[in-house]
Protein backbone atom coordinates (compact mmCIF):
# COMPACT_ATOMS: atom_id res chain seq x y z
CA LEU A 1 29.42 114.79 -34.84
CA SER A 2 25.57 115.65 -33.93
CA GLN A 3 24.07 114.52 -31.03
CA ASP A 4 21.69 112.48 -33.07
CA ALA A 5 24.58 110.93 -34.64
CA ARG A 6 26.50 109.88 -31.56
CA ASP A 7 22.91 108.52 -30.21
CA TRP A 8 22.42 106.37 -33.45
CA LEU A 9 26.41 105.26 -33.20
CA ARG A 10 25.97 103.99 -29.65
CA LEU A 11 23.03 101.97 -30.52
CA ILE A 12 24.45 100.28 -33.69
CA ARG A 13 28.12 100.24 -32.18
CA PRO A 14 27.87 99.54 -28.27
CA GLU A 15 31.22 97.34 -28.13
CA ARG A 16 32.94 101.11 -28.69
CA LYS A 17 33.67 103.18 -25.17
CA GLU A 18 33.35 106.66 -27.00
CA VAL A 19 31.70 107.81 -30.26
CA ASP A 20 35.01 110.10 -30.92
CA ASP A 21 37.48 107.28 -30.45
CA PRO A 22 39.49 106.19 -33.35
CA TYR A 23 37.56 103.52 -35.69
CA LEU A 24 39.32 100.40 -34.41
CA ASP A 25 37.15 97.99 -34.87
CA GLY A 26 37.17 96.08 -38.66
CA PRO A 27 38.62 97.02 -42.19
CA ILE A 28 38.42 100.66 -42.99
CA THR A 29 36.23 101.59 -45.95
CA GLU A 30 35.50 105.03 -47.45
CA GLU A 31 31.91 104.40 -45.36
CA TYR A 32 33.86 104.82 -41.93
CA LEU A 33 36.82 106.71 -43.46
CA MET A 34 36.33 110.05 -41.19
CA GLN A 35 35.62 107.98 -38.01
CA ALA A 36 39.29 106.57 -38.47
CA SER A 37 42.44 108.17 -36.83
CA LYS A 38 44.73 109.98 -38.96
CA ALA A 39 47.20 107.21 -39.49
CA GLN A 40 44.59 104.95 -40.10
CA ARG A 41 43.19 107.27 -43.23
CA ILE A 42 46.68 108.10 -44.46
CA GLN A 43 47.41 104.08 -44.64
CA TYR A 44 43.91 103.68 -46.34
CA LEU A 45 44.16 106.56 -48.98
CA ARG A 46 47.91 105.24 -49.81
CA GLU A 47 46.62 101.78 -50.08
CA LEU A 48 43.88 103.19 -52.53
CA ARG A 49 45.86 105.34 -54.33
CA SER A 50 48.27 102.51 -55.61
CA GLN A 51 45.33 100.47 -56.67
CA ASP A 52 43.04 103.26 -57.89
CA ALA A 53 44.43 106.84 -58.24
CA GLY A 54 41.67 108.58 -59.67
CA ARG A 55 38.84 107.23 -56.67
CA ALA A 56 41.87 107.93 -54.27
CA ARG A 57 42.10 111.56 -55.81
CA ILE A 58 38.25 112.00 -55.29
CA VAL A 59 38.42 111.04 -51.67
CA ILE A 60 41.33 113.39 -50.72
CA GLU A 61 39.55 116.15 -52.67
CA THR A 62 36.59 115.49 -50.40
CA MET A 63 38.23 115.54 -47.38
CA LEU A 64 40.70 118.48 -48.12
CA PRO A 65 38.19 121.65 -46.92
CA SER A 66 37.51 120.01 -43.58
CA GLU A 67 40.77 119.27 -42.75
CA ALA A 68 43.53 121.15 -40.57
CA ALA A 69 46.32 122.21 -42.20
CA ASP A 70 49.03 119.50 -41.10
CA MET A 71 46.27 117.01 -42.41
CA ARG A 72 45.55 118.85 -45.96
CA LEU A 73 49.49 119.08 -46.04
CA ARG A 74 49.79 115.06 -45.09
CA LEU A 75 47.06 114.43 -48.04
CA VAL A 76 48.78 116.37 -50.90
CA LYS A 77 51.89 114.25 -50.16
CA LEU A 78 49.73 111.21 -51.00
CA LEU A 79 49.53 112.35 -54.30
CA GLY A 80 53.36 112.47 -54.85
CA ASP A 81 53.86 109.26 -55.24
CA ARG A 82 53.16 109.18 -58.69
CA PRO A 83 51.39 112.77 -59.75
CA THR A 84 49.30 112.33 -63.24
CA ALA A 85 48.18 114.76 -65.31
CA ASP A 86 44.83 113.80 -64.05
CA ASP A 87 45.86 115.53 -60.83
CA GLN A 88 46.70 118.75 -62.41
CA PRO A 89 43.27 120.76 -61.61
CA LEU A 90 43.51 119.53 -57.77
CA LEU A 91 46.89 120.74 -57.61
CA GLU A 92 46.06 123.51 -59.05
CA SER A 93 43.25 124.74 -56.73
CA LEU A 94 45.10 123.71 -53.86
CA LEU A 95 47.98 126.72 -55.13
CA LYS A 96 45.05 128.70 -53.62
CA ASP A 97 45.42 126.99 -50.19
CA ARG A 98 45.36 129.50 -47.00
CA ALA A 99 48.39 127.24 -45.79
CA PRO A 100 51.81 128.33 -47.50
CA THR A 101 53.26 124.48 -46.90
CA VAL A 102 50.44 123.19 -48.74
CA LYS A 103 50.95 125.59 -51.43
CA ASP A 104 54.86 124.87 -51.58
CA CYS A 105 53.88 120.94 -51.94
CA ALA A 106 51.20 121.49 -54.74
CA LEU A 107 53.79 123.47 -56.44
CA ALA A 108 56.17 121.00 -56.22
CA LEU A 109 54.11 118.24 -57.31
CA LEU A 110 52.71 120.36 -60.32
CA SER A 111 56.59 120.86 -61.19
CA ARG A 112 56.57 117.15 -61.84
CA ILE A 113 53.83 116.92 -63.87
CA PRO A 114 54.99 117.00 -67.86
CA GLY A 115 53.16 119.53 -69.84
CA THR A 116 51.86 121.67 -66.99
CA GLN A 117 53.44 125.44 -66.93
CA THR A 118 55.63 124.76 -63.70
CA PHE A 119 57.08 121.80 -65.66
CA ALA A 120 58.15 123.95 -68.63
CA LYS A 121 59.68 126.75 -65.91
CA GLN A 122 61.83 123.77 -64.45
CA VAL A 123 63.20 122.72 -67.78
CA ALA A 124 63.77 125.85 -69.16
CA ARG A 125 65.76 127.01 -65.52
CA LEU A 126 67.72 123.48 -66.16
CA THR A 127 68.93 124.35 -69.64
CA ASP A 128 69.63 128.13 -68.52
CA SER A 129 72.11 126.38 -66.01
CA LEU A 130 73.91 123.98 -67.79
CA GLN A 131 75.95 124.17 -71.06
CA ILE A 132 77.19 121.14 -73.15
CA LYS A 133 80.82 121.56 -73.77
CA THR A 134 83.13 119.08 -75.88
CA GLU A 135 86.57 117.86 -73.67
CA GLY A 136 89.39 115.88 -75.01
CA LEU A 137 92.09 115.97 -77.62
CA LEU A 138 92.03 112.09 -78.62
CA ARG A 139 88.97 111.05 -76.76
CA ARG A 140 86.38 113.37 -77.42
CA LYS A 141 83.62 113.49 -75.37
CA LYS A 142 80.59 116.10 -74.31
CA VAL A 143 80.19 116.93 -70.91
CA PHE A 144 77.76 118.73 -68.95
CA MET A 145 78.96 122.29 -67.21
CA PHE A 146 77.67 124.66 -65.01
CA LYS A 147 77.16 128.15 -66.28
CA GLY A 148 78.40 130.84 -63.94
CA PRO A 149 80.26 129.88 -60.95
CA GLU A 150 80.78 126.42 -59.87
CA PRO A 151 78.70 125.18 -57.15
CA ARG A 152 80.43 124.62 -53.71
CA PRO A 153 80.86 121.06 -52.53
CA GLY A 154 78.12 120.23 -50.72
CA GLN A 155 75.84 123.01 -52.26
CA ASP A 156 72.63 121.01 -53.94
CA ARG A 157 71.15 124.16 -55.72
CA PHE A 158 70.17 121.90 -58.62
CA ALA A 159 69.44 118.39 -56.90
CA ASN A 160 65.86 119.27 -56.51
CA LEU A 161 65.36 120.31 -59.99
CA LEU A 162 67.53 117.42 -61.32
CA ALA A 163 65.32 115.04 -59.18
CA SER A 164 62.05 116.49 -60.66
CA LEU A 165 63.15 115.78 -64.00
CA GLY A 166 63.15 112.38 -65.45
CA ILE A 167 66.09 111.38 -67.59
CA ALA A 168 63.83 111.64 -70.71
CA ASP A 169 62.64 115.11 -70.01
CA PHE A 170 66.45 115.95 -69.24
CA ALA A 171 67.54 114.40 -72.44
CA GLN A 172 65.02 116.21 -74.63
CA ALA A 173 65.82 119.59 -73.28
CA PHE A 174 69.01 119.36 -74.36
CA ALA A 175 68.52 117.50 -77.81
CA GLU A 176 66.62 120.35 -78.84
CA GLU A 177 69.53 122.65 -78.54
């Protein structure tokens, strides 16, 4: 904060010891969001995201340039609760972020939004990795089998892939075959 801003804050909030202390007195609003601690900002934005996802995305987008990499990552992870197609432009812009952790998180979230290029790549990887076979002589049933070598026990090479796709996307991918 500039010296003028500090002087002004001391005049209107004399009960605060230091101007740079986290904002603790009263409910946090967008007006006082930047004076709040990191944890308070994340909590406020989490609640805002659950009530008004569009408004939360706008606030997050305005906060991102001024934050350090660890806070940018925490802000991007807030979009992960329910990523939507409206989040796509912001997430795509974050693919150029200077922090690799933020880029990776944005890419992972993009892969969960149907209709995006990364989502299509995830579906293609899934269909390339699995095949449908018929088993049984009397009770014939369809089963999914891994193409190539069987995964070792405890090996979760497809866990993230399957977790990122919904059951409807999974079914649709194999219905097209």
